[in-house]
Amino acid sequence: MTTRANLATVLKTSLGLGLALLLGGCSILSDKPKSTSTIYAPEPHVQPDPSWPTVTWQLALTPPVGARVIDSLRIAVRPTPGEIQIYSGAQWARPPSEMLQDTLLRTFEDSGRIAAVARQGSGIAADFKLVLEIRRFESDYAGQAVPAATIEVAAKLLHTRDQKIVASRTFLQAQPATSTAVADVARAFEQSLVVVGHDIAGWTLVSGQNYKPANRS
């Protein structure tokens, strides 16, 4: 005859096994690293806009900054509002800050619309400095069945001689993935980077061109 103590032990063991099986099923989201991971390397190519002005000044790109959970090799996913997890067994080839800076550098260079552009510290005599903060770089479900590759960047254009912020703007792009598969999410991030890179580059060229430096005696 099963005693009350033995019955409680059996129930406790069964409950623990059931919970373990339930959690084990959520293998796509995990905060623990895998010994092997699929590495994703988006390669955004931005086409210059015919409306962009051609400028004679030079631009320095500062390294974009962002919170550690955002600017990481881990691919962040937001399954519900207020919750951040990561995709298990997947990572970026480069952190988001490098992806964003490289996208912008290539966009400016390929456009042929600017006299010179380089990373900060390269030694060019920059007339303007582009300061970027990555606020979001995550796969966001936002209550939908399929997530969207969401990138949010706060940008400031600084005139180096006047030490004045010429313009500031926040850019937000959310590109829905074609499925919940991580490979499709990574492709959606590539598309989001194209849009964000295009918008920031165009805004920078127009804002810098419209700026009238302070008169010097």
C-alpha atoms as a PDB file:
ATOM      1  CA  MET A   1       0.000   0.000   0.000  1.00  0.00           C
ATOM      2  CA  THR A   2       1.411   3.393  -1.050  1.00  0.00           C
ATOM      3  CA  THR A   3       1.985   5.667   1.908  1.00  0.00           C
ATOM      4  CA  ARG A   4       1.104   9.369   1.828  1.00  0.00           C
ATOM      5  CA  ALA A   5       4.827  10.249   1.872  1.00  0.00           C
ATOM      6  CA  ASN A   6       5.578   7.935  -1.052  1.00  0.00           C
ATOM      7  CA  LEU A   7       2.656   9.376  -3.030  1.00  0.00           C
ATOM      8  CA  ALA A   8       3.945  12.903  -2.516  1.00  0.00           C
ATOM      9  CA  THR A   9       7.399  11.828  -3.731  1.00  0.00           C
ATOM     10  CA  VAL A  10       5.932  10.241  -6.869  1.00  0.00           C
ATOM     11  CA  LEU A  11       3.858  13.337  -7.643  1.00  0.00           C
ATOM     12  CA  LYS A  12       6.856  15.636  -7.119  1.00  0.00           C
ATOM     13  CA  THR A  13       9.042  13.522  -9.425  1.00  0.00           C
ATOM     14  CA  SER A  14       6.367  13.387 -12.125  1.00  0.00           C
ATOM     15  CA  LEU A  15       5.839  17.133 -11.967  1.00  0.00           C
ATOM     16  CA  GLY A  16       9.570  17.757 -12.278  1.00  0.00           C
ATOM     17  CA  LEU A  17       9.879  15.467 -15.304  1.00  0.00           C
ATOM     18  CA  GLY A  18       6.892  17.093 -16.974  1.00  0.00           C
ATOM     19  CA  LEU A  19       8.309  20.583 -16.457  1.00  0.00           C
ATOM     20  CA  ALA A  20      11.696  19.510 -17.797  1.00  0.00           C
ATOM     21  CA  LEU A  21      10.097  18.088 -20.935  1.00  0.00           C
ATOM     22  CA  LEU A  22       8.052  21.262 -21.430  1.00  0.00           C
ATOM     23  CA  LEU A  23      11.087  23.520 -21.149  1.00  0.00           C
ATOM     24  CA  GLY A  24      13.160  21.205 -23.313  1.00  0.00           C
ATOM     25  CA  GLY A  25      10.732  21.787 -26.169  1.00  0.00           C
ATOM     26  CA  CYS A  26      11.629  25.501 -26.312  1.00  0.00           C
ATOM     27  CA  SER A  27      15.024  24.824 -27.852  1.00  0.00           C
ATOM     28  CA  ILE A  28      14.927  27.748 -30.327  1.00  0.00           C
ATOM     29  CA  LEU A  29      15.254  30.284 -27.510  1.00  0.00           C
ATOM     30  CA  SER A  30      18.060  29.900 -25.016  1.00  0.00           C
ATOM     31  CA  ASP A  31      20.523  31.999 -23.062  1.00  0.00           C
ATOM     32  CA  LYS A  32      23.155  29.239 -23.018  1.00  0.00           C
ATOM     33  CA  PRO A  33      25.841  29.026 -25.705  1.00  0.00           C
ATOM     34  CA  LYS A  34      26.034  26.010 -27.993  1.00  0.00           C
ATOM     35  CA  SER A  35      29.320  24.261 -28.733  1.00  0.00           C
ATOM     36  CA  THR A  36      28.527  24.671 -32.444  1.00  0.00           C
ATOM     37  CA  SER A  37      26.571  27.557 -33.966  1.00  0.00           C
ATOM     38  CA  THR A  38      25.410  28.601 -37.397  1.00  0.00           C
ATOM     39  CA  ILE A  39      27.045  31.922 -38.218  1.00  0.00           C
ATOM     40  CA  TYR A  40      25.057  34.493 -40.194  1.00  0.00           C
ATOM     41  CA  ALA A  41      26.771  37.314 -42.093  1.00  0.00           C
ATOM     42  CA  PRO A  42      24.315  39.774 -43.715  1.00  0.00           C
ATOM     43  CA  GLU A  43      25.761  41.602 -46.750  1.00  0.00           C
ATOM     44  CA  PRO A  44      23.580  44.673 -47.357  1.00  0.00           C
ATOM     45  CA  HIS A  45      24.135  46.617 -50.580  1.00  0.00           C
ATOM     46  CA  VAL A  46      22.568  50.079 -50.638  1.00  0.00           C
ATOM     47  CA  GLN A  47      21.785  51.789 -53.924  1.00  0.00           C
ATOM     48  CA  PRO A  48      22.398  55.571 -53.865  1.00  0.00           C
ATOM     49  CA  ASP A  49      19.359  57.781 -54.279  1.00  0.00           C
ATOM     50  CA  PRO A  50      19.403  60.151 -57.282  1.00  0.00           C
ATOM     51  CA  SER A  51      18.106  62.910 -55.012  1.00  0.00           C
ATOM     52  CA  TRP A  52      21.151  62.805 -52.725  1.00  0.00           C
ATOM     53  CA  PRO A  53      23.347  65.913 -53.053  1.00  0.00           C
ATOM     54  CA  THR A  54      27.014  65.751 -54.012  1.00  0.00           C
ATOM     55  CA  VAL A  55      29.057  67.378 -51.241  1.00  0.00           C
ATOM     56  CA  THR A  56      32.622  68.654 -50.966  1.00  0.00           C
ATOM     57  CA  TRP A  57      33.089  68.092 -47.242  1.00  0.00           C
ATOM     58  CA  GLN A  58      34.557  65.101 -45.386  1.00  0.00           C
ATOM     59  CA  LEU A  59      32.868  62.833 -42.844  1.00  0.00           C
ATOM     60  CA  ALA A  60      34.123  60.704 -39.940  1.00  0.00           C
ATOM     61  CA  LEU A  61      32.063  57.753 -38.696  1.00  0.00           C
ATOM     62  CA  THR A  62      32.335  57.144 -34.958  1.00  0.00           C
ATOM     63  CA  PRO A  63      31.968  53.556 -33.699  1.00  0.00           C
ATOM     64  CA  PRO A  64      28.245  53.013 -32.994  1.00  0.00           C
ATOM     65  CA  VAL A  65      27.436  52.296 -29.353  1.00  0.00           C
ATOM     66  CA  GLY A  66      24.738  50.094 -27.856  1.00  0.00           C
ATOM     67  CA  ALA A  67      23.844  48.067 -24.798  1.00  0.00           C
ATOM     68  CA  ARG A  68      25.749  44.795 -24.430  1.00  0.00           C
ATOM     69  CA  VAL A  69      22.629  42.691 -24.943  1.00  0.00           C
ATOM     70  CA  ILE A  70      22.071  44.517 -28.255  1.00  0.00           C
ATOM     71  CA  ASP A  71      25.622  44.863 -29.569  1.00  0.00           C
ATOM     72  CA  SER A  72      26.509  41.189 -29.297  1.00  0.00           C
ATOM     73  CA  LEU A  73      27.288  38.242 -31.542  1.00  0.00           C
ATOM     74  CA  ARG A  74      24.154  36.613 -30.125  1.00  0.00           C
ATOM     75  CA  ILE A  75      20.997  37.145 -32.176  1.00  0.00           C
ATOM     76  CA  ALA A  76      18.449  38.767 -29.883  1.00  0.00           C
ATOM     77  CA  VAL A  77      14.753  37.911 -30.098  1.00  0.00           C
ATOM     78  CA  ARG A  78      11.813  39.487 -28.286  1.00  0.00           C
ATOM     79  CA  PRO A  79       9.077  36.816 -28.050  1.00  0.00           C
ATOM     80  CA  THR A  80       6.833  39.018 -25.897  1.00  0.00           C
ATOM     81  CA  PRO A  81       6.981  42.688 -24.820  1.00  0.00           C
ATOM     82  CA  GLY A  82       9.485  43.262 -22.036  1.00  0.00           C
ATOM     83  CA  GLU A  83      11.361  39.987 -22.628  1.00  0.00           C
ATOM     84  CA  ILE A  84      14.650  39.489 -24.477  1.00  0.00           C
ATOM     85  CA  GLN A  85      16.061  36.059 -25.305  1.00  0.00           C
ATOM     86  CA  ILE A  86      18.551  34.756 -27.868  1.00  0.00           C
ATOM     87  CA  TYR A  87      18.365  32.204 -30.644  1.00  0.00           C
ATOM     88  CA  SER A  88      20.047  28.968 -29.657  1.00  0.00           C
ATOM     89  CA  GLY A  89      22.754  27.637 -31.967  1.00  0.00           C
ATOM     90  CA  ALA A  90      23.017  30.842 -34.020  1.00  0.00           C
ATOM     91  CA  GLN A  91      25.175  33.949 -33.966  1.00  0.00           C
ATOM     92  CA  TRP A  92      26.293  36.908 -36.047  1.00  0.00           C
ATOM     93  CA  ALA A  93      29.661  36.938 -37.790  1.00  0.00           C
ATOM     94  CA  ARG A  94      30.153  40.496 -36.509  1.00  0.00           C
ATOM     95  CA  PRO A  95      28.390  42.520 -33.799  1.00  0.00           C
ATOM     96  CA  PRO A  96      25.609  44.906 -34.925  1.00  0.00           C
ATOM     97  CA  SER A  97      27.780  47.999 -34.376  1.00  0.00           C
ATOM     98  CA  GLU A  98      30.308  46.756 -36.936  1.00  0.00           C
ATOM     99  CA  MET A  99      27.586  45.720 -39.379  1.00  0.00           C
ATOM    100  CA  LEU A 100      25.985  49.174 -39.193  1.00  0.00           C
ATOM    101  CA  GLN A 101      29.240  51.109 -39.512  1.00  0.00           C
ATOM    102  CA  ASP A 102      30.441  48.970 -42.444  1.00  0.00           C
ATOM    103  CA  THR A 103      27.076  49.358 -44.181  1.00  0.00           C
ATOM    104  CA  LEU A 104      27.258  53.148 -43.914  1.00  0.00           C
ATOM    105  CA  LEU A 105      30.929  53.368 -44.910  1.00  0.00           C
ATOM    106  CA  ARG A 106      30.310  51.317 -48.034  1.00  0.00           C
ATOM    107  CA  THR A 107      27.138  53.256 -48.844  1.00  0.00           C
ATOM    108  CA  PHE A 108      28.916  56.620 -48.714  1.00  0.00           C
ATOM    109  CA  GLU A 109      31.935  55.368 -50.647  1.00  0.00           C
ATOM    110  CA  ASP A 110      29.913  53.635 -53.369  1.00  0.00           C
ATOM    111  CA  SER A 111      27.572  56.605 -53.776  1.00  0.00           C
ATOM    112  CA  GLY A 112      30.309  58.916 -55.087  1.00  0.00           C
ATOM    113  CA  ARG A 113      28.458  61.806 -53.433  1.00  0.00           C
ATOM    114  CA  ILE A 114      31.015  62.769 -50.787  1.00  0.00           C
ATOM    115  CA  ALA A 115      34.583  64.067 -50.943  1.00  0.00           C
ATOM    116  CA  ALA A 116      35.871  61.647 -48.300  1.00  0.00           C
ATOM    117  CA  VAL A 117      34.508  59.378 -45.591  1.00  0.00           C
ATOM    118  CA  ALA A 118      36.383  57.228 -43.098  1.00  0.00           C
ATOM    119  CA  ARG A 119      36.188  55.723 -39.670  1.00  0.00           C
ATOM    120  CA  GLN A 120      37.039  58.041 -36.797  1.00  0.00           C
ATOM    121  CA  GLY A 121      40.747  57.915 -36.040  1.00  0.00           C
ATOM    122  CA  SER A 122      41.781  57.325 -39.641  1.00  0.00           C
ATOM    123  CA  GLY A 123      43.456  60.736 -39.813  1.00  0.00           C
ATOM    124  CA  ILE A 124      41.198  62.577 -42.270  1.00  0.00           C
ATOM    125  CA  ALA A 125      40.382  66.215 -41.519  1.00  0.00           C
ATOM    126  CA  ALA A 126      36.659  65.643 -41.122  1.00  0.00           C
ATOM    127  CA  ASP A 127      34.244  68.556 -41.390  1.00  0.00           C
ATOM    128  CA  PHE A 128      31.438  66.491 -39.837  1.00  0.00           C
ATOM    129  CA  LYS A 129      31.213  63.581 -37.451  1.00  0.00           C
ATOM    130  CA  LEU A 130      28.348  61.045 -37.457  1.00  0.00           C
ATOM    131  CA  VAL A 131      27.524  59.733 -33.979  1.00  0.00           C
ATOM    132  CA  LEU A 132      25.296  56.659 -33.759  1.00  0.00           C
ATOM    133  CA  GLU A 133      23.553  54.797 -30.938  1.00  0.00           C
ATOM    134  CA  ILE A 134      21.937  51.417 -31.617  1.00  0.00           C
ATOM    135  CA  ARG A 135      18.803  51.210 -29.493  1.00  0.00           C
ATOM    136  CA  ARG A 136      17.310  48.068 -30.983  1.00  0.00           C
ATOM    137  CA  PHE A 137      18.705  45.242 -33.088  1.00  0.00           C
ATOM    138  CA  GLU A 138      16.359  42.361 -32.429  1.00  0.00           C
ATOM    139  CA  SER A 139      13.879  39.918 -33.876  1.00  0.00           C
ATOM    140  CA  ASP A 140      10.558  41.187 -32.511  1.00  0.00           C
ATOM    141  CA  TYR A 141       7.348  39.156 -32.623  1.00  0.00           C
ATOM    142  CA  ALA A 142       5.243  42.144 -31.483  1.00  0.00           C
ATOM    143  CA  GLY A 143       2.197  39.902 -31.072  1.00  0.00           C
ATOM    144  CA  GLN A 144       2.533  38.432 -34.575  1.00  0.00           C
ATOM    145  CA  ALA A 145       3.085  34.846 -35.684  1.00  0.00           C
ATOM    146  CA  VAL A 146       6.269  35.794 -37.553  1.00  0.00           C
ATOM    147  CA  PRO A 147       8.939  38.174 -36.171  1.00  0.00           C
ATOM    148  CA  ALA A 148      10.284  41.330 -37.777  1.00  0.00           C
ATOM    149  CA  ALA A 149      13.972  42.259 -37.948  1.00  0.00           C
ATOM    150  CA  THR A 150      13.827  45.500 -35.974  1.00  0.00           C
ATOM    151  CA  ILE A 151      16.631  48.069 -36.033  1.00  0.00           C
ATOM    152  CA  GLU A 152      16.443  51.408 -34.235  1.00  0.00           C
ATOM    153  CA  VAL A 153      19.312  53.894 -34.445  1.00  0.00           C
ATOM    154  CA  ALA A 154      19.639  57.381 -32.935  1.00  0.00           C
ATOM    155  CA  ALA A 155      21.890  59.552 -35.118  1.00  0.00           C
ATOM    156  CA  LYS A 156      23.547  62.903 -34.482  1.00  0.00           C
ATOM    157  CA  LEU A 157      25.536  64.905 -37.043  1.00  0.00           C
ATOM    158  CA  LEU A 158      28.219  67.038 -35.414  1.00  0.00           C
ATOM    159  CA  HIS A 159      30.098  69.908 -37.108  1.00  0.00           C
ATOM    160  CA  THR A 160      33.655  69.384 -35.911  1.00  0.00           C
ATOM    161  CA  ARG A 161      34.826  73.026 -36.096  1.00  0.00           C
ATOM    162  CA  ASP A 162      31.806  74.587 -34.404  1.00  0.00           C
ATOM    163  CA  GLN A 163      31.336  71.580 -32.082  1.00  0.00           C
ATOM    164  CA  LYS A 164      27.647  71.911 -32.757  1.00  0.00           C
ATOM    165  CA  ILE A 165      25.016  69.249 -33.373  1.00  0.00           C
ATOM    166  CA  VAL A 166      23.759  70.082 -36.836  1.00  0.00           C
ATOM    167  CA  ALA A 167      20.877  67.583 -36.866  1.00  0.00           C
ATOM    168  CA  SER A 168      19.574  64.604 -34.931  1.00  0.00           C
ATOM    169  CA  ARG A 169      17.060  61.928 -35.812  1.00  0.00           C
ATOM    170  CA  THR A 170      15.960  58.435 -34.814  1.00  0.00           C
ATOM    171  CA  PHE A 171      15.649  55.825 -37.532  1.00  0.00           C
ATOM    172  CA  LEU A 172      13.436  52.755 -37.120  1.00  0.00           C
ATOM    173  CA  GLN A 173      12.945  49.872 -39.525  1.00  0.00           C
ATOM    174  CA  ALA A 174      11.047  46.618 -38.923  1.00  0.00           C
ATOM    175  CA  GLN A 175      11.270  44.120 -41.807  1.00  0.00           C
ATOM    176  CA  PRO A 176       9.010  41.057 -41.370  1.00  0.00           C
ATOM    177  CA  ALA A 177      10.751  37.726 -41.891  1.00  0.00           C
ATOM    178  CA  THR A 178       9.220  35.208 -44.287  1.00  0.00           C
ATOM    179  CA  SER A 179       9.105  32.582 -41.516  1.00  0.00           C
ATOM    180  CA  THR A 180      10.253  31.945 -37.960  1.00  0.00           C
ATOM    181  CA  ALA A 181      13.402  30.147 -39.194  1.00  0.00           C
ATOM    182  CA  VAL A 182      16.593  31.864 -38.065  1.00  0.00           C
ATOM    183  CA  ALA A 183      17.955  31.923 -41.628  1.00  0.00           C
ATOM    184  CA  ASP A 184      14.885  33.874 -42.770  1.00  0.00           C
ATOM    185  CA  VAL A 185      15.225  36.216 -39.799  1.00  0.00           C
ATOM    186  CA  ALA A 186      18.864  36.868 -40.754  1.00  0.00           C
ATOM    187  CA  ARG A 187      17.800  37.704 -44.322  1.00  0.00           C
ATOM    188  CA  ALA A 188      15.222  40.129 -42.930  1.00  0.00           C
ATOM    189  CA  PHE A 189      17.990  41.852 -40.955  1.00  0.00           C
ATOM    190  CA  GLU A 190      19.957  42.285 -44.167  1.00  0.00           C
ATOM    191  CA  GLN A 191      16.951  44.042 -45.708  1.00  0.00           C
ATOM    192  CA  SER A 192      16.504  46.218 -42.617  1.00  0.00           C
ATOM    193  CA  LEU A 193      20.170  47.235 -42.789  1.00  0.00           C
ATOM    194  CA  VAL A 194      19.691  48.262 -46.422  1.00  0.00           C
ATOM    195  CA  VAL A 195      16.804  50.571 -45.517  1.00  0.00           C
ATOM    196  CA  VAL A 196      18.476  52.014 -42.419  1.00  0.00           C
ATOM    197  CA  GLY A 197      21.767  52.529 -44.271  1.00  0.00           C
ATOM    198  CA  HIS A 198      19.973  54.265 -47.143  1.00  0.00           C
ATOM    199  CA  ASP A 199      17.974  56.546 -44.856  1.00  0.00           C
ATOM    200  CA  ILE A 200      20.901  57.537 -42.608  1.00  0.00           C
ATOM    201  CA  ALA A 201      23.221  58.203 -45.552  1.00  0.00           C
ATOM    202  CA  GLY A 202      20.695  60.394 -47.362  1.00  0.00           C
ATOM    203  CA  TRP A 203      19.798  62.298 -44.205  1.00  0.00           C
ATOM    204  CA  THR A 204      23.483  62.889 -43.410  1.00  0.00           C
ATOM    205  CA  LEU A 205      24.293  64.282 -46.853  1.00  0.00           C
ATOM    206  CA  VAL A 206      21.261  66.580 -46.902  1.00  0.00           C
ATOM    207  CA  SER A 207      21.734  67.781 -43.305  1.00  0.00           C
ATOM    208  CA  GLY A 208      25.420  68.531 -43.775  1.00  0.00           C
ATOM    209  CA  GLN A 209      24.815  70.295 -47.071  1.00  0.00           C
ATOM    210  CA  ASN A 210      22.127  72.508 -45.538  1.00  0.00           C
ATOM    211  CA  TYR A 211      24.256  73.539 -42.564  1.00  0.00           C
ATOM    212  CA  LYS A 212      25.603  77.087 -42.597  1.00  0.00           C
ATOM    213  CA  PRO A 213      28.758  77.353 -40.470  1.00  0.00           C
ATOM    214  CA  ALA A 214      29.072  80.224 -38.040  1.00  0.00           C
ATOM    215  CA  ASN A 215      30.833  83.273 -39.490  1.00  0.00           C
ATOM    216  CA  ARG A 216      34.437  83.708 -38.425  1.00  0.00           C
ATOM    217  CA  SER A 217      36.021  87.111 -38.087  1.00  0.00           C
END
